[in-house]
Amino acid sequence: MLELSLLGSVFLLIGLALWMFADSDDDDRSGGLRQPVLVPVPVRSQYRR
């Protein structure tokens, strides 16, 4: 019974460690979700005909 409890505890700790170190959408580890990056779009001042 002790071995089964130890095995369960080891699996629980390994699962918790994998969950904590899993890659999320937060790549810079600053917390929260990443904000979208705004990319400037070039606009012509004169339209071609």
PDB file of N, CA and C in Angstrom:
ATOM      1  N   MET A   1       0.828  -1.195   0.000  1.00  0.00           N
ATOM      2  CA  MET A   1       0.000   0.000   0.000  1.00  0.00           C
ATOM      3  C   MET A   1       0.873   1.260   0.000  1.00  0.00           C
ATOM      4  N   LEU A   2       1.981   1.205   0.719  1.00  0.00           N
ATOM      5  CA  LEU A   2       2.898   2.342   0.774  1.00  0.00           C
ATOM      6  C   LEU A   2       3.516   2.599  -0.602  1.00  0.00           C
ATOM      7  N   GLU A   3       3.866   1.498  -1.290  1.00  0.00           N
ATOM      8  CA  GLU A   3       4.458   1.647  -2.621  1.00  0.00           C
ATOM      9  C   GLU A   3       3.475   2.295  -3.589  1.00  0.00           C
ATOM     10  N   LEU A   4       2.218   1.922  -3.491  1.00  0.00           N
ATOM     11  CA  LEU A   4       1.194   2.491  -4.356  1.00  0.00           C
ATOM     12  C   LEU A   4       1.010   3.986  -4.068  1.00  0.00           C
ATOM     13  N   SER A   5       1.052   4.355  -2.812  1.00  0.00           N
ATOM     14  CA  SER A   5       0.945   5.774  -2.448  1.00  0.00           C
ATOM     15  C   SER A   5       2.156   6.556  -2.946  1.00  0.00           C
ATOM     16  N   LEU A   6       3.337   5.988  -2.806  1.00  0.00           N
ATOM     17  CA  LEU A   6       4.544   6.656  -3.299  1.00  0.00           C
ATOM     18  C   LEU A   6       4.521   6.794  -4.817  1.00  0.00           C
ATOM     19  N   LEU A   7       4.091   5.756  -5.506  1.00  0.00           N
ATOM     20  CA  LEU A   7       4.008   5.806  -6.964  1.00  0.00           C
ATOM     21  C   LEU A   7       3.001   6.869  -7.401  1.00  0.00           C
ATOM     22  N   GLY A   8       1.870   6.932  -6.735  1.00  0.00           N
ATOM     23  CA  GLY A   8       0.877   7.959  -7.045  1.00  0.00           C
ATOM     24  C   GLY A   8       1.410   9.359  -6.787  1.00  0.00           C
ATOM     25  N   SER A   9       2.148   9.516  -5.694  1.00  0.00           N
ATOM     26  CA  SER A   9       2.736  10.817  -5.379  1.00  0.00           C
ATOM     27  C   SER A   9       3.775  11.218  -6.418  1.00  0.00           C
ATOM     28  N   VAL A  10       4.586  10.268  -6.866  1.00  0.00           N
ATOM     29  CA  VAL A  10       5.598  10.550  -7.886  1.00  0.00           C
ATOM     30  C   VAL A  10       4.926  10.951  -9.194  1.00  0.00           C
ATOM     31  N   PHE A  11       3.895  10.217  -9.605  1.00  0.00           N
ATOM     32  CA  PHE A  11       3.170  10.575 -10.820  1.00  0.00           C
ATOM     33  C   PHE A  11       2.517  11.954 -10.692  1.00  0.00           C
ATOM     34  N   LEU A  12       1.993  12.253  -9.531  1.00  0.00           N
ATOM     35  CA  LEU A  12       1.377  13.547  -9.298  1.00  0.00           C
ATOM     36  C   LEU A  12       2.412  14.667  -9.397  1.00  0.00           C
ATOM     37  N   LEU A  13       3.569  14.480  -8.807  1.00  0.00           N
ATOM     38  CA  LEU A  13       4.623  15.496  -8.865  1.00  0.00           C
ATOM     39  C   LEU A  13       5.159  15.669 -10.284  1.00  0.00           C
ATOM     40  N   ILE A  14       5.329  14.566 -11.007  1.00  0.00           N
ATOM     41  CA  ILE A  14       5.798  14.659 -12.389  1.00  0.00           C
ATOM     42  C   ILE A  14       4.757  15.371 -13.252  1.00  0.00           C
ATOM     43  N   GLY A  15       3.500  15.031 -13.072  1.00  0.00           N
ATOM     44  CA  GLY A  15       2.436  15.687 -13.823  1.00  0.00           C
ATOM     45  C   GLY A  15       2.353  17.174 -13.508  1.00  0.00           C
ATOM     46  N   LEU A  16       2.501  17.536 -12.255  1.00  0.00           N
ATOM     47  CA  LEU A  16       2.480  18.938 -11.859  1.00  0.00           C
ATOM     48  C   LEU A  16       3.670  19.689 -12.446  1.00  0.00           C
ATOM     49  N   ALA A  17       4.846  19.064 -12.442  1.00  0.00           N
ATOM     50  CA  ALA A  17       6.034  19.702 -13.021  1.00  0.00           C
ATOM     51  C   ALA A  17       5.876  19.897 -14.528  1.00  0.00           C
ATOM     52  N   LEU A  18       5.337  18.900 -15.216  1.00  0.00           N
ATOM     53  CA  LEU A  18       5.128  19.036 -16.660  1.00  0.00           C
ATOM     54  C   LEU A  18       4.096  20.117 -16.958  1.00  0.00           C
ATOM     55  N   TRP A  19       3.072  20.212 -16.146  1.00  0.00           N
ATOM     56  CA  TRP A  19       2.043  21.223 -16.343  1.00  0.00           C
ATOM     57  C   TRP A  19       2.607  22.629 -16.115  1.00  0.00           C
ATOM     58  N   MET A  20       3.476  22.769 -15.122  1.00  0.00           N
ATOM     59  CA  MET A  20       4.045  24.081 -14.820  1.00  0.00           C
ATOM     60  C   MET A  20       5.042  24.527 -15.894  1.00  0.00           C
ATOM     61  N   PHE A  21       5.781  23.574 -16.470  1.00  0.00           N
ATOM     62  CA  PHE A  21       6.793  23.925 -17.459  1.00  0.00           C
ATOM     63  C   PHE A  21       6.302  23.816 -18.890  1.00  0.00           C
ATOM     64  N   ALA A  22       5.032  23.501 -19.068  1.00  0.00           N
ATOM     65  CA  ALA A  22       4.488  23.396 -20.425  1.00  0.00           C
ATOM     66  C   ALA A  22       4.491  24.769 -21.074  1.00  0.00           C
ATOM     67  N   ASP A  23       4.736  24.779 -22.381  1.00  0.00           N
ATOM     68  CA  ASP A  23       4.773  26.039 -23.108  1.00  0.00           C
ATOM     69  C   ASP A  23       3.361  26.565 -23.278  1.00  0.00           C
ATOM     70  N   SER A  24       3.177  27.826 -22.924  1.00  0.00           N
ATOM     71  CA  SER A  24       1.875  28.447 -23.072  1.00  0.00           C
ATOM     72  C   SER A  24       1.947  29.508 -24.154  1.00  0.00           C
ATOM     73  N   ASP A  25       0.858  30.259 -24.300  1.00  0.00           N
ATOM     74  CA  ASP A  25       0.874  31.328 -25.285  1.00  0.00           C
ATOM     75  C   ASP A  25       1.609  32.558 -24.774  1.00  0.00           C
ATOM     76  N   ASP A  26       2.055  32.512 -23.550  1.00  0.00           N
ATOM     77  CA  ASP A  26       2.793  33.616 -22.954  1.00  0.00           C
ATOM     78  C   ASP A  26       4.284  33.341 -23.084  1.00  0.00           C
ATOM     79  N   ASP A  27       4.875  33.735 -24.204  1.00  0.00           N
ATOM     80  CA  ASP A  27       6.266  33.384 -24.480  1.00  0.00           C
ATOM     81  C   ASP A  27       7.265  34.183 -23.662  1.00  0.00           C
ATOM     82  N   ASP A  28       6.945  35.406 -23.303  1.00  0.00           N
ATOM     83  CA  ASP A  28       7.924  36.221 -22.580  1.00  0.00           C
ATOM     84  C   ASP A  28       7.776  36.127 -21.066  1.00  0.00           C
ATOM     85  N   ARG A  29       6.883  35.292 -20.602  1.00  0.00           N
ATOM     86  CA  ARG A  29       6.674  35.048 -19.165  1.00  0.00           C
ATOM     87  C   ARG A  29       6.332  36.304 -18.379  1.00  0.00           C
ATOM     88  N   SER A  30       5.703  37.289 -19.036  1.00  0.00           N
ATOM     89  CA  SER A  30       5.360  38.527 -18.341  1.00  0.00           C
ATOM     90  C   SER A  30       3.999  38.423 -17.649  1.00  0.00           C
ATOM     91  N   GLY A  31       3.275  37.376 -17.903  1.00  0.00           N
ATOM     92  CA  GLY A  31       1.972  37.200 -17.282  1.00  0.00           C
ATOM     93  C   GLY A  31       0.863  37.662 -18.200  1.00  0.00           C
ATOM     94  N   GLY A  32      -0.234  36.971 -18.170  1.00  0.00           N
ATOM     95  CA  GLY A  32      -1.362  37.339 -19.016  1.00  0.00           C
ATOM     96  C   GLY A  32      -1.189  36.861 -20.440  1.00  0.00           C
ATOM     97  N   LEU A  33      -2.163  37.215 -21.258  1.00  0.00           N
ATOM     98  CA  LEU A  33      -2.117  36.814 -22.655  1.00  0.00           C
ATOM     99  C   LEU A  33      -1.313  37.816 -23.466  1.00  0.00           C
ATOM    100  N   ARG A  34      -0.723  37.334 -24.536  1.00  0.00           N
ATOM    101  CA  ARG A  34       0.047  38.224 -25.403  1.00  0.00           C
ATOM    102  C   ARG A  34      -0.895  39.149 -26.152  1.00  0.00           C
ATOM    103  N   GLN A  35      -0.475  40.374 -26.310  1.00  0.00           N
ATOM    104  CA  GLN A  35      -1.250  41.351 -27.066  1.00  0.00           C
ATOM    105  C   GLN A  35      -0.849  41.264 -28.532  1.00  0.00           C
ATOM    106  N   PRO A  36      -1.785  41.498 -29.448  1.00  0.00           N
ATOM    107  CA  PRO A  36      -1.437  41.465 -30.862  1.00  0.00           C
ATOM    108  C   PRO A  36      -0.496  42.612 -31.219  1.00  0.00           C
ATOM    109  N   VAL A  37       0.399  42.351 -32.143  1.00  0.00           N
ATOM    110  CA  VAL A  37       1.353  43.362 -32.592  1.00  0.00           C
ATOM    111  C   VAL A  37       0.744  44.091 -33.783  1.00  0.00           C
ATOM    112  N   LEU A  38       0.742  45.401 -33.720  1.00  0.00           N
ATOM    113  CA  LEU A  38       0.210  46.200 -34.813  1.00  0.00           C
ATOM    114  C   LEU A  38       1.325  46.465 -35.814  1.00  0.00           C
ATOM    115  N   VAL A  39       1.080  46.093 -37.054  1.00  0.00           N
ATOM    116  CA  VAL A  39       2.070  46.268 -38.110  1.00  0.00           C
ATOM    117  C   VAL A  39       1.598  47.398 -39.013  1.00  0.00           C
ATOM    118  N   PRO A  40       2.457  48.405 -39.237  1.00  0.00           N
ATOM    119  CA  PRO A  40       2.028  49.499 -40.117  1.00  0.00           C
ATOM    120  C   PRO A  40       1.844  49.017 -41.555  1.00  0.00           C
ATOM    121  N   VAL A  41       0.770  49.491 -42.175  1.00  0.00           N
ATOM    122  CA  VAL A  41       0.471  49.132 -43.559  1.00  0.00           C
ATOM    123  C   VAL A  41       0.763  50.348 -44.435  1.00  0.00           C
ATOM    124  N   PRO A  42       1.618  50.205 -45.443  1.00  0.00           N
ATOM    125  CA  PRO A  42       1.922  51.348 -46.289  1.00  0.00           C
ATOM    126  C   PRO A  42       0.692  51.758 -47.102  1.00  0.00           C
ATOM    127  N   VAL A  43       0.442  53.060 -47.142  1.00  0.00           N
ATOM    128  CA  VAL A  43      -0.699  53.606 -47.868  1.00  0.00           C
ATOM    129  C   VAL A  43      -0.176  54.595 -48.887  1.00  0.00           C
ATOM    130  N   ARG A  44      -0.650  54.481 -50.118  1.00  0.00           N
ATOM    131  CA  ARG A  44      -0.235  55.421 -51.158  1.00  0.00           C
ATOM    132  C   ARG A  44      -1.000  56.730 -51.009  1.00  0.00           C
ATOM    133  N   SER A  45      -0.278  57.830 -51.212  1.00  0.00           N
ATOM    134  CA  SER A  45      -0.961  59.128 -51.117  1.00  0.00           C
ATOM    135  C   SER A  45      -1.642  59.476 -52.438  1.00  0.00           C
ATOM    136  N   GLN A  46      -1.206  58.907 -53.560  1.00  0.00           N
ATOM    137  CA  GLN A  46      -1.835  59.144 -54.862  1.00  0.00           C
ATOM    138  C   GLN A  46      -2.313  57.824 -55.409  1.00  0.00           C
ATOM    139  N   TYR A  47      -3.555  57.812 -55.879  1.00  0.00           N
ATOM    140  CA  TYR A  47      -4.107  56.588 -56.451  1.00  0.00           C
ATOM    141  C   TYR A  47      -3.751  56.490 -57.918  1.00  0.00           C
ATOM    142  N   ARG A  48      -3.435  55.300 -58.351  1.00  0.00           N
ATOM    143  CA  ARG A  48      -3.126  55.080 -59.764  1.00  0.00           C
ATOM    144  C   ARG A  48      -4.414  54.851 -60.547  1.00  0.00           C
ATOM    145  N   ARG A  49      -4.451  55.337 -61.784  1.00  0.00           N
ATOM    146  CA  ARG A  49      -5.647  55.149 -62.605  1.00  0.00           C
ATOM    147  C   ARG A  49      -5.385  54.167 -63.706  1.00  0.00           C
TER     148      ARG A  49
END
